[in-house]
Amino acid sequence: VVKTNKSFSDNLVGSASKFIQATEKFSNASAKVSSFTQRQQQEPKSIIEKYFQAWNNRDLETALDCFTDDATYQTEDPVFVDTFRGKDSLKEHLLKNAATLPSSCQIILDDLAIDESNGTFGVRWHLEVDGVGIPNLKGCSMYTKDKSSGLLKSGYDVTESPVKVPEFVQDVFAPLTKLLF
């Protein structure tokens, strides 16, 4: 597994952002509407759904309002590898994400597990652009909620690796893995 450093991630994000902005100017594709996009017009039932709805609407102030002032958000994905502490840091992350992804990109919640008694949320999600799923852009996220305020106090994202190791490589490394572990 290759983990990028922050400098590489920033350069990749900047390049992707320029590419996306250029392609959006020439795109005349009609948008398909996913079931989640249709549900977005409904009132969110939980703080986590409110957060994702705000993000998908690019209402970053409402998205940030879902978090405590001292929230911690950690990302483990091929592009955004970092830990963000506090709303200012989280705001920078959300702004960079919004600038990188096309405006038609939506986070689609495939599964949502809510444990109100412990204040925890688990989310399995994927990205869609114009209603079409993007290959290898799926993930799982875990969140905790501050019980007194009802706001999110931590988030942890893990995104699927866009590079898959071929089976023959797995076969080569299997004996080594057994020796190491």
N, C-alpha and C. Protein backbone atom coordinates (compact mmCIF):
# COMPACT_ATOMS: atom_id res chain seq x y z
N VAL A 1 0.85 -1.18 0.00
CA VAL A 1 0.00 0.00 0.00
C VAL A 1 0.89 1.23 0.00
N VAL A 2 0.59 2.14 -0.89
CA VAL A 2 1.35 3.38 -0.99
C VAL A 2 0.54 4.48 -0.36
N LYS A 3 1.15 5.20 0.56
CA LYS A 3 0.48 6.30 1.23
C LYS A 3 1.17 7.58 0.79
N THR A 4 0.40 8.51 0.25
CA THR A 4 1.00 9.73 -0.26
C THR A 4 1.33 10.68 0.88
N ASN A 5 2.27 11.60 0.61
CA ASN A 5 2.54 12.63 1.60
C ASN A 5 1.70 13.87 1.29
N LYS A 6 1.67 14.83 2.20
CA LYS A 6 0.81 15.99 2.07
C LYS A 6 1.15 16.82 0.84
N SER A 7 2.42 16.99 0.53
CA SER A 7 2.84 17.79 -0.62
C SER A 7 2.33 17.15 -1.92
N PHE A 8 2.51 15.84 -2.04
CA PHE A 8 2.03 15.13 -3.22
C PHE A 8 0.51 15.27 -3.33
N SER A 9 -0.18 15.10 -2.21
CA SER A 9 -1.64 15.20 -2.19
C SER A 9 -2.09 16.58 -2.64
N ASP A 10 -1.44 17.63 -2.12
CA ASP A 10 -1.81 19.00 -2.49
C ASP A 10 -1.62 19.24 -3.99
N ASN A 11 -0.51 18.76 -4.55
CA ASN A 11 -0.27 18.91 -5.99
C ASN A 11 -1.29 18.15 -6.81
N LEU A 12 -1.62 16.94 -6.38
CA LEU A 12 -2.60 16.13 -7.09
C LEU A 12 -3.97 16.80 -7.06
N VAL A 13 -4.35 17.30 -5.90
CA VAL A 13 -5.64 17.98 -5.75
C VAL A 13 -5.69 19.21 -6.64
N GLY A 14 -4.61 19.99 -6.66
CA GLY A 14 -4.57 21.19 -7.50
C GLY A 14 -4.72 20.85 -8.97
N SER A 15 -4.03 19.81 -9.43
CA SER A 15 -4.12 19.39 -10.82
C SER A 15 -5.51 18.87 -11.15
N ALA A 16 -6.07 18.07 -10.25
CA ALA A 16 -7.41 17.53 -10.48
C ALA A 16 -8.44 18.64 -10.54
N SER A 17 -8.28 19.64 -9.68
CA SER A 17 -9.21 20.76 -9.65
C SER A 17 -9.20 21.50 -10.99
N LYS A 18 -8.01 21.77 -11.52
CA LYS A 18 -7.91 22.47 -12.81
C LYS A 18 -8.52 21.64 -13.93
N PHE A 19 -8.27 20.33 -13.91
CA PHE A 19 -8.81 19.45 -14.93
C PHE A 19 -10.34 19.43 -14.86
N ILE A 20 -10.88 19.30 -13.66
CA ILE A 20 -12.33 19.23 -13.50
C ILE A 20 -12.98 20.53 -13.95
N GLN A 21 -12.41 21.66 -13.58
CA GLN A 21 -12.97 22.94 -14.00
C GLN A 21 -12.97 23.06 -15.51
N ALA A 22 -11.91 22.60 -16.15
CA ALA A 22 -11.84 22.66 -17.62
C ALA A 22 -12.87 21.75 -18.26
N THR A 23 -13.03 20.54 -17.73
CA THR A 23 -13.97 19.60 -18.34
C THR A 23 -15.42 20.00 -18.08
N GLU A 24 -15.70 20.64 -16.95
CA GLU A 24 -17.07 21.07 -16.68
C GLU A 24 -17.54 22.10 -17.70
N LYS A 25 -16.62 22.91 -18.22
CA LYS A 25 -16.98 23.93 -19.21
C LYS A 25 -17.48 23.29 -20.50
N PHE A 26 -16.96 22.09 -20.81
CA PHE A 26 -17.30 21.45 -22.07
C PHE A 26 -18.34 20.35 -21.92
N SER A 27 -18.75 20.09 -20.70
CA SER A 27 -19.67 18.99 -20.47
C SER A 27 -21.12 19.45 -20.67
N ASN A 28 -21.83 18.72 -21.51
CA ASN A 28 -23.24 18.99 -21.73
C ASN A 28 -24.09 17.79 -21.34
N ALA A 29 -23.50 16.90 -20.56
CA ALA A 29 -24.20 15.67 -20.19
C ALA A 29 -25.40 15.98 -19.31
N SER A 30 -26.47 15.27 -19.53
CA SER A 30 -27.64 15.47 -18.68
C SER A 30 -27.45 14.67 -17.40
N ALA A 31 -27.85 15.26 -16.30
CA ALA A 31 -27.64 14.63 -14.99
C ALA A 31 -28.70 13.57 -14.74
N LYS A 32 -28.24 12.43 -14.25
CA LYS A 32 -29.15 11.41 -13.77
C LYS A 32 -29.37 11.68 -12.29
N VAL A 33 -30.55 11.38 -11.78
CA VAL A 33 -30.85 11.67 -10.39
C VAL A 33 -30.83 10.36 -9.61
N SER A 34 -29.97 10.30 -8.61
CA SER A 34 -29.90 9.10 -7.77
C SER A 34 -30.99 9.16 -6.71
N SER A 35 -31.25 8.02 -6.10
CA SER A 35 -32.28 7.99 -5.06
C SER A 35 -31.88 8.88 -3.88
N PHE A 36 -30.57 8.96 -3.58
CA PHE A 36 -30.15 9.81 -2.48
C PHE A 36 -30.38 11.28 -2.82
N THR A 37 -30.11 11.66 -4.05
CA THR A 37 -30.32 13.04 -4.46
C THR A 37 -31.80 13.39 -4.32
N GLN A 38 -32.66 12.47 -4.68
CA GLN A 38 -34.09 12.71 -4.52
C GLN A 38 -34.45 12.86 -3.04
N ARG A 39 -33.84 12.07 -2.18
CA ARG A 39 -34.13 12.15 -0.74
C ARG A 39 -33.59 13.42 -0.13
N GLN A 40 -32.68 14.10 -0.82
CA GLN A 40 -32.07 15.30 -0.27
C GLN A 40 -33.07 16.40 -0.03
N GLN A 41 -34.19 16.36 -0.70
CA GLN A 41 -35.19 17.39 -0.50
C GLN A 41 -35.97 17.15 0.79
N GLN A 42 -35.82 15.97 1.38
CA GLN A 42 -36.47 15.66 2.65
C GLN A 42 -35.63 16.22 3.79
N GLU A 43 -36.27 16.42 4.92
CA GLU A 43 -35.57 16.89 6.11
C GLU A 43 -34.69 15.76 6.65
N PRO A 44 -33.40 16.03 6.89
CA PRO A 44 -32.52 14.98 7.42
C PRO A 44 -32.99 14.53 8.81
N LYS A 45 -32.84 13.22 9.05
CA LYS A 45 -33.32 12.65 10.31
C LYS A 45 -32.26 12.66 11.40
N SER A 46 -30.99 12.81 11.05
CA SER A 46 -29.93 12.77 12.05
C SER A 46 -28.88 13.82 11.69
N ILE A 47 -28.01 14.12 12.64
CA ILE A 47 -26.95 15.10 12.42
C ILE A 47 -26.02 14.65 11.30
N ILE A 48 -25.79 13.35 11.17
CA ILE A 48 -24.90 12.86 10.12
C ILE A 48 -25.53 13.03 8.74
N GLU A 49 -26.83 12.79 8.64
CA GLU A 49 -27.52 13.00 7.37
C GLU A 49 -27.55 14.49 7.03
N LYS A 50 -27.70 15.33 8.05
CA LYS A 50 -27.66 16.78 7.83
C LYS A 50 -26.30 17.20 7.29
N TYR A 51 -25.23 16.64 7.84
CA TYR A 51 -23.88 16.94 7.36
C TYR A 51 -23.71 16.57 5.89
N PHE A 52 -24.07 15.33 5.53
CA PHE A 52 -23.89 14.89 4.16
C PHE A 52 -24.79 15.67 3.20
N GLN A 53 -26.00 15.97 3.62
CA GLN A 53 -26.90 16.77 2.79
C GLN A 53 -26.30 18.16 2.54
N ALA A 54 -25.77 18.77 3.58
CA ALA A 54 -25.15 20.09 3.43
C ALA A 54 -23.94 20.00 2.51
N TRP A 55 -23.11 18.97 2.68
CA TRP A 55 -21.95 18.82 1.82
C TRP A 55 -22.38 18.68 0.36
N ASN A 56 -23.35 17.82 0.10
CA ASN A 56 -23.80 17.59 -1.28
C ASN A 56 -24.40 18.85 -1.89
N ASN A 57 -24.96 19.72 -1.07
CA ASN A 57 -25.49 21.00 -1.55
C ASN A 57 -24.41 22.08 -1.59
N ARG A 58 -23.19 21.73 -1.19
CA ARG A 58 -22.04 22.64 -1.07
C ARG A 58 -22.36 23.82 -0.15
N ASP A 59 -23.20 23.52 0.86
CA ASP A 59 -23.51 24.48 1.92
C ASP A 59 -22.52 24.21 3.05
N LEU A 60 -21.30 24.71 2.90
CA LEU A 60 -20.23 24.36 3.82
C LEU A 60 -20.44 24.94 5.21
N GLU A 61 -21.11 26.06 5.32
CA GLU A 61 -21.38 26.62 6.66
C GLU A 61 -22.29 25.70 7.45
N THR A 62 -23.34 25.19 6.81
CA THR A 62 -24.24 24.24 7.49
C THR A 62 -23.50 22.95 7.80
N ALA A 63 -22.65 22.50 6.87
CA ALA A 63 -21.85 21.29 7.13
C ALA A 63 -20.97 21.49 8.35
N LEU A 64 -20.31 22.64 8.44
CA LEU A 64 -19.44 22.92 9.59
C LEU A 64 -20.24 23.07 10.88
N ASP A 65 -21.46 23.60 10.78
CA ASP A 65 -22.31 23.74 11.96
C ASP A 65 -22.70 22.40 12.57
N CYS A 66 -22.46 21.32 11.85
CA CYS A 66 -22.75 19.98 12.37
C CYS A 66 -21.67 19.49 13.32
N PHE A 67 -20.54 20.22 13.42
CA PHE A 67 -19.40 19.79 14.22
C PHE A 67 -19.18 20.71 15.42
N THR A 68 -18.63 20.14 16.48
CA THR A 68 -18.22 20.94 17.63
C THR A 68 -17.02 21.80 17.23
N ASP A 69 -16.76 22.86 17.98
CA ASP A 69 -15.63 23.75 17.66
C ASP A 69 -14.29 23.04 17.72
N ASP A 70 -14.18 22.03 18.60
CA ASP A 70 -12.91 21.32 18.77
C ASP A 70 -12.90 19.95 18.08
N ALA A 71 -13.73 19.79 17.07
CA ALA A 71 -13.84 18.51 16.37
C ALA A 71 -12.51 18.09 15.76
N THR A 72 -12.34 16.77 15.66
CA THR A 72 -11.19 16.17 14.99
C THR A 72 -11.70 15.33 13.84
N TYR A 73 -11.08 15.49 12.68
CA TYR A 73 -11.50 14.75 11.48
C TYR A 73 -10.26 14.19 10.82
N GLN A 74 -10.21 12.88 10.67
CA GLN A 74 -9.04 12.22 10.08
C GLN A 74 -9.44 11.55 8.78
N THR A 75 -8.61 11.71 7.76
CA THR A 75 -8.86 11.07 6.47
C THR A 75 -7.70 10.15 6.12
N GLU A 76 -8.04 8.99 5.63
CA GLU A 76 -7.08 8.01 5.15
C GLU A 76 -7.53 7.62 3.75
N ASP A 77 -7.14 8.42 2.79
CA ASP A 77 -7.47 8.08 1.42
C ASP A 77 -6.31 8.45 0.52
N PRO A 78 -6.38 8.07 -0.75
CA PRO A 78 -5.22 8.29 -1.63
C PRO A 78 -4.87 9.75 -1.88
N VAL A 79 -5.79 10.67 -1.64
CA VAL A 79 -5.51 12.08 -1.92
C VAL A 79 -5.43 12.91 -0.64
N PHE A 80 -6.46 12.85 0.16
CA PHE A 80 -6.51 13.66 1.38
C PHE A 80 -6.07 12.83 2.58
N VAL A 81 -4.79 12.90 2.90
CA VAL A 81 -4.25 12.15 4.04
C VAL A 81 -3.87 13.17 5.09
N ASP A 82 -4.69 13.28 6.12
CA ASP A 82 -4.40 14.30 7.12
C ASP A 82 -5.36 14.15 8.30
N THR A 83 -5.03 14.87 9.36
CA THR A 83 -5.91 15.00 10.51
C THR A 83 -6.20 16.48 10.69
N PHE A 84 -7.46 16.82 10.80
CA PHE A 84 -7.89 18.21 10.93
C PHE A 84 -8.45 18.41 12.33
N ARG A 85 -7.92 19.40 13.02
CA ARG A 85 -8.34 19.67 14.39
C ARG A 85 -8.97 21.05 14.46
N GLY A 86 -10.22 21.08 14.88
CA GLY A 86 -10.95 22.34 14.98
C GLY A 86 -11.66 22.70 13.69
N LYS A 87 -12.65 23.59 13.82
CA LYS A 87 -13.47 23.95 12.67
C LYS A 87 -12.70 24.67 11.57
N ASP A 88 -11.72 25.50 11.93
CA ASP A 88 -10.97 26.22 10.90
C ASP A 88 -10.22 25.25 10.00
N SER A 89 -9.58 24.26 10.61
CA SER A 89 -8.84 23.26 9.84
C SER A 89 -9.80 22.42 9.00
N LEU A 90 -10.93 22.04 9.59
CA LEU A 90 -11.93 21.26 8.87
C LEU A 90 -12.51 22.07 7.71
N LYS A 91 -12.70 23.36 7.92
CA LYS A 91 -13.22 24.22 6.86
C LYS A 91 -12.26 24.24 5.67
N GLU A 92 -10.96 24.35 5.92
CA GLU A 92 -9.96 24.31 4.84
C GLU A 92 -10.08 23.01 4.04
N HIS A 93 -10.24 21.90 4.76
CA HIS A 93 -10.37 20.59 4.12
C HIS A 93 -11.63 20.55 3.24
N LEU A 94 -12.75 21.00 3.77
CA LEU A 94 -14.00 20.98 3.00
C LEU A 94 -13.91 21.89 1.77
N LEU A 95 -13.30 23.06 1.94
CA LEU A 95 -13.14 23.97 0.80
C LEU A 95 -12.26 23.35 -0.28
N LYS A 96 -11.18 22.67 0.12
CA LYS A 96 -10.29 22.02 -0.84
C LYS A 96 -11.03 20.90 -1.57
N ASN A 97 -11.81 20.13 -0.82
CA ASN A 97 -12.62 19.07 -1.42
C ASN A 97 -13.60 19.65 -2.43
N ALA A 98 -14.30 20.70 -2.03
CA ALA A 98 -15.30 21.32 -2.91
C ALA A 98 -14.65 21.86 -4.18
N ALA A 99 -13.44 22.41 -4.05
CA ALA A 99 -12.74 22.96 -5.21
C ALA A 99 -12.22 21.85 -6.13
N THR A 100 -11.96 20.68 -5.57
CA THR A 100 -11.39 19.57 -6.32
C THR A 100 -12.44 18.78 -7.09
N LEU A 101 -13.58 18.57 -6.45
CA LEU A 101 -14.61 17.72 -7.05
C LEU A 101 -15.58 18.56 -7.88
N PRO A 102 -16.11 17.98 -8.96
CA PRO A 102 -17.09 18.73 -9.74
C PRO A 102 -18.32 19.04 -8.88
N SER A 103 -19.00 20.11 -9.20
CA SER A 103 -20.16 20.53 -8.40
C SER A 103 -21.28 19.49 -8.44
N SER A 104 -21.28 18.64 -9.47
CA SER A 104 -22.31 17.60 -9.57
C SER A 104 -21.93 16.33 -8.80
N CYS A 105 -20.77 16.34 -8.15
CA CYS A 105 -20.34 15.17 -7.37
C CYS A 105 -21.12 15.11 -6.06
N GLN A 106 -21.66 13.96 -5.77
CA GLN A 106 -22.44 13.74 -4.57
C GLN A 106 -21.89 12.54 -3.80
N ILE A 107 -21.94 12.62 -2.48
CA ILE A 107 -21.62 11.48 -1.64
C ILE A 107 -22.93 10.75 -1.39
N ILE A 108 -23.01 9.53 -1.86
CA ILE A 108 -24.23 8.74 -1.74
C ILE A 108 -24.07 7.79 -0.55
N LEU A 109 -24.98 7.87 0.39
CA LEU A 109 -24.95 6.99 1.56
C LEU A 109 -25.57 5.65 1.19
N ASP A 110 -24.75 4.61 1.17
CA ASP A 110 -25.24 3.26 0.86
C ASP A 110 -25.81 2.60 2.11
N ASP A 111 -25.13 2.76 3.22
CA ASP A 111 -25.57 2.20 4.50
C ASP A 111 -25.28 3.21 5.58
N LEU A 112 -26.17 3.29 6.54
CA LEU A 112 -26.02 4.20 7.66
C LEU A 112 -26.41 3.46 8.93
N ALA A 113 -25.47 3.38 9.87
CA ALA A 113 -25.74 2.75 11.16
C ALA A 113 -25.63 3.82 12.24
N ILE A 114 -26.69 3.96 13.01
CA ILE A 114 -26.73 4.97 14.06
C ILE A 114 -26.93 4.28 15.40
N ASP A 115 -26.04 4.55 16.33
CA ASP A 115 -26.17 4.05 17.70
C ASP A 115 -26.32 5.27 18.60
N GLU A 116 -27.55 5.71 18.81
CA GLU A 116 -27.81 6.91 19.60
C GLU A 116 -27.33 6.77 21.04
N SER A 117 -27.41 5.56 21.60
CA SER A 117 -27.02 5.38 23.00
C SER A 117 -25.53 5.64 23.21
N ASN A 118 -24.71 5.36 22.21
CA ASN A 118 -23.27 5.61 22.30
C ASN A 118 -22.83 6.85 21.52
N GLY A 119 -23.75 7.45 20.79
CA GLY A 119 -23.42 8.62 19.99
C GLY A 119 -22.45 8.33 18.86
N THR A 120 -22.64 7.19 18.19
CA THR A 120 -21.75 6.82 17.10
C THR A 120 -22.54 6.58 15.81
N PHE A 121 -21.85 6.84 14.70
CA PHE A 121 -22.43 6.64 13.38
C PHE A 121 -21.43 5.90 12.52
N GLY A 122 -21.91 5.00 11.71
CA GLY A 122 -21.09 4.33 10.70
C GLY A 122 -21.74 4.54 9.35
N VAL A 123 -20.95 4.90 8.35
CA VAL A 123 -21.48 5.20 7.03
C VAL A 123 -20.66 4.48 5.98
N ARG A 124 -21.33 3.78 5.08
CA ARG A 124 -20.68 3.23 3.88
C ARG A 124 -21.21 4.06 2.73
N TRP A 125 -20.30 4.57 1.89
CA TRP A 125 -20.71 5.53 0.87
C TRP A 125 -19.95 5.32 -0.43
N HIS A 126 -20.42 5.99 -1.47
CA HIS A 126 -19.69 6.05 -2.74
C HIS A 126 -19.94 7.42 -3.37
N LEU A 127 -19.10 7.78 -4.32
CA LEU A 127 -19.24 9.06 -5.02
C LEU A 127 -19.93 8.86 -6.36
N GLU A 128 -20.77 9.81 -6.71
CA GLU A 128 -21.40 9.85 -8.03
C GLU A 128 -21.20 11.23 -8.62
N VAL A 129 -21.02 11.27 -9.92
CA VAL A 129 -21.00 12.53 -10.67
C VAL A 129 -22.12 12.44 -11.69
N ASP A 130 -23.01 13.39 -11.66
CA ASP A 130 -24.18 13.40 -12.54
C ASP A 130 -24.96 12.09 -12.43
N GLY A 131 -25.03 11.54 -11.22
CA GLY A 131 -25.80 10.32 -10.98
C GLY A 131 -25.11 9.04 -11.37
N VAL A 132 -23.86 9.12 -11.81
CA VAL A 132 -23.11 7.93 -12.23
C VAL A 132 -22.01 7.65 -11.21
N GLY A 133 -21.99 6.42 -10.68
CA GLY A 133 -20.98 6.04 -9.71
C GLY A 133 -19.57 6.11 -10.30
N ILE A 134 -18.62 6.57 -9.49
CA ILE A 134 -17.23 6.66 -9.92
C ILE A 134 -16.52 5.39 -9.44
N PRO A 135 -15.92 4.64 -10.37
CA PRO A 135 -15.23 3.41 -9.96
C PRO A 135 -14.13 3.69 -8.94
N ASN A 136 -14.01 2.81 -7.99
CA ASN A 136 -12.96 2.86 -6.97
C ASN A 136 -13.03 4.10 -6.08
N LEU A 137 -14.17 4.70 -5.96
CA LEU A 137 -14.33 5.81 -5.02
C LEU A 137 -15.48 5.49 -4.07
N LYS A 138 -15.19 4.54 -3.22
CA LYS A 138 -16.10 4.12 -2.17
C LYS A 138 -15.38 4.28 -0.85
N GLY A 139 -16.12 4.31 0.21
CA GLY A 139 -15.45 4.42 1.50
C GLY A 139 -16.36 4.12 2.65
N CYS A 140 -15.75 4.12 3.83
CA CYS A 140 -16.46 3.97 5.09
C CYS A 140 -16.02 5.09 6.01
N SER A 141 -16.94 5.58 6.77
CA SER A 141 -16.64 6.65 7.71
C SER A 141 -17.28 6.33 9.05
N MET A 142 -16.59 6.75 10.10
CA MET A 142 -17.09 6.60 11.46
C MET A 142 -17.13 7.99 12.09
N TYR A 143 -18.16 8.24 12.85
CA TYR A 143 -18.32 9.54 13.52
C TYR A 143 -18.75 9.32 14.95
N THR A 144 -18.36 10.26 15.82
CA THR A 144 -18.87 10.27 17.18
C THR A 144 -19.56 11.61 17.41
N LYS A 145 -20.53 11.57 18.28
CA LYS A 145 -21.34 12.75 18.57
C LYS A 145 -21.14 13.16 20.01
N ASP A 146 -21.04 14.45 20.22
CA ASP A 146 -21.00 15.01 21.57
C ASP A 146 -22.41 14.90 22.14
N LYS A 147 -22.55 14.16 23.23
CA LYS A 147 -23.90 13.89 23.75
C LYS A 147 -24.61 15.13 24.27
N SER A 148 -23.86 16.09 24.81
CA SER A 148 -24.52 17.27 25.36
C SER A 148 -24.99 18.23 24.27
N SER A 149 -24.20 18.43 23.22
CA SER A 149 -24.58 19.37 22.17
C SER A 149 -25.32 18.70 21.01
N GLY A 150 -25.12 17.39 20.85
CA GLY A 150 -25.72 16.69 19.72
C GLY A 150 -24.94 16.86 18.43
N LEU A 151 -23.79 17.55 18.50
CA LEU A 151 -22.98 17.80 17.31
C LEU A 151 -21.90 16.73 17.15
N LEU A 152 -21.38 16.61 15.94
CA LEU A 152 -20.31 15.64 15.67
C LEU A 152 -19.01 16.15 16.28
N LYS A 153 -18.32 15.26 17.00
CA LYS A 153 -17.05 15.67 17.60
C LYS A 153 -15.84 15.01 16.96
N SER A 154 -16.08 13.94 16.18
CA SER A 154 -14.97 13.33 15.45
C SER A 154 -15.49 12.63 14.21
N GLY A 155 -14.59 12.54 13.22
CA GLY A 155 -14.89 11.81 12.01
C GLY A 155 -13.64 11.10 11.53
N TYR A 156 -13.81 9.96 10.91
CA TYR A 156 -12.69 9.18 10.40
C TYR A 156 -13.13 8.56 9.07
N ASP A 157 -12.47 8.94 7.97
CA ASP A 157 -12.80 8.44 6.64
C ASP A 157 -11.72 7.49 6.15
N VAL A 158 -12.13 6.38 5.57
CA VAL A 158 -11.23 5.47 4.89
C VAL A 158 -11.80 5.28 3.49
N THR A 159 -10.99 5.60 2.49
CA THR A 159 -11.42 5.50 1.09
C THR A 159 -10.74 4.33 0.42
N GLU A 160 -11.49 3.66 -0.42
CA GLU A 160 -10.97 2.53 -1.20
C GLU A 160 -9.76 2.98 -2.02
N SER A 161 -8.79 2.12 -2.09
CA SER A 161 -7.60 2.42 -2.89
C SER A 161 -7.95 2.35 -4.38
N PRO A 162 -7.55 3.37 -5.15
CA PRO A 162 -7.83 3.32 -6.59
C PRO A 162 -6.94 2.33 -7.33
N VAL A 163 -5.85 1.90 -6.70
CA VAL A 163 -4.93 0.95 -7.32
C VAL A 163 -5.13 -0.40 -6.65
N LYS A 164 -5.42 -1.39 -7.44
CA LYS A 164 -5.63 -2.74 -6.93
C LYS A 164 -4.41 -3.60 -7.25
N VAL A 165 -3.98 -4.37 -6.27
CA VAL A 165 -2.82 -5.25 -6.46
C VAL A 165 -3.29 -6.49 -7.22
N PRO A 166 -2.62 -6.80 -8.34
CA PRO A 166 -3.00 -8.00 -9.12
C PRO A 166 -2.83 -9.27 -8.28
N GLU A 167 -3.61 -10.27 -8.63
CA GLU A 167 -3.60 -11.52 -7.87
C GLU A 167 -2.23 -12.17 -7.85
N PHE A 168 -1.48 -12.12 -8.97
CA PHE A 168 -0.17 -12.77 -8.99
C PHE A 168 0.78 -12.11 -7.99
N VAL A 169 0.64 -10.81 -7.76
CA VAL A 169 1.47 -10.11 -6.78
C VAL A 169 1.09 -10.57 -5.37
N GLN A 170 -0.21 -10.75 -5.16
CA GLN A 170 -0.67 -11.25 -3.86
C GLN A 170 -0.08 -12.63 -3.59
N ASP A 171 -0.05 -13.46 -4.63
CA ASP A 171 0.51 -14.81 -4.48
C ASP A 171 1.99 -14.76 -4.12
N VAL A 172 2.73 -13.79 -4.67
CA VAL A 172 4.15 -13.65 -4.38
C VAL A 172 4.37 -13.21 -2.93
N PHE A 173 3.54 -12.27 -2.47
CA PHE A 173 3.74 -11.72 -1.14
C PHE A 173 3.11 -12.54 -0.01
N ALA A 174 2.22 -13.45 -0.33
CA ALA A 174 1.55 -14.25 0.69
C ALA A 174 2.53 -14.98 1.60
N PRO A 175 3.54 -15.70 1.05
CA PRO A 175 4.49 -16.39 1.94
C PRO A 175 5.29 -15.41 2.80
N LEU A 176 5.65 -14.25 2.24
CA LEU A 176 6.39 -13.25 3.02
C LEU A 176 5.55 -12.70 4.17
N THR A 177 4.30 -12.48 3.90
CA THR A 177 3.39 -11.97 4.93
C THR A 177 3.31 -12.94 6.10
N LYS A 178 3.22 -14.21 5.79
CA LYS A 178 3.15 -15.22 6.86
C LYS A 178 4.42 -15.23 7.70
N LEU A 179 5.57 -14.98 7.07
CA LEU A 179 6.83 -14.94 7.82
C LEU A 179 6.90 -13.70 8.72
N LEU A 180 6.41 -12.58 8.23
CA LEU A 180 6.47 -11.34 8.98
C LEU A 180 5.47 -11.26 10.13
N PHE A 181 4.33 -11.88 9.92
CA PHE A 181 3.27 -11.76 10.94
C PHE A 181 2.97 -13.10 11.50
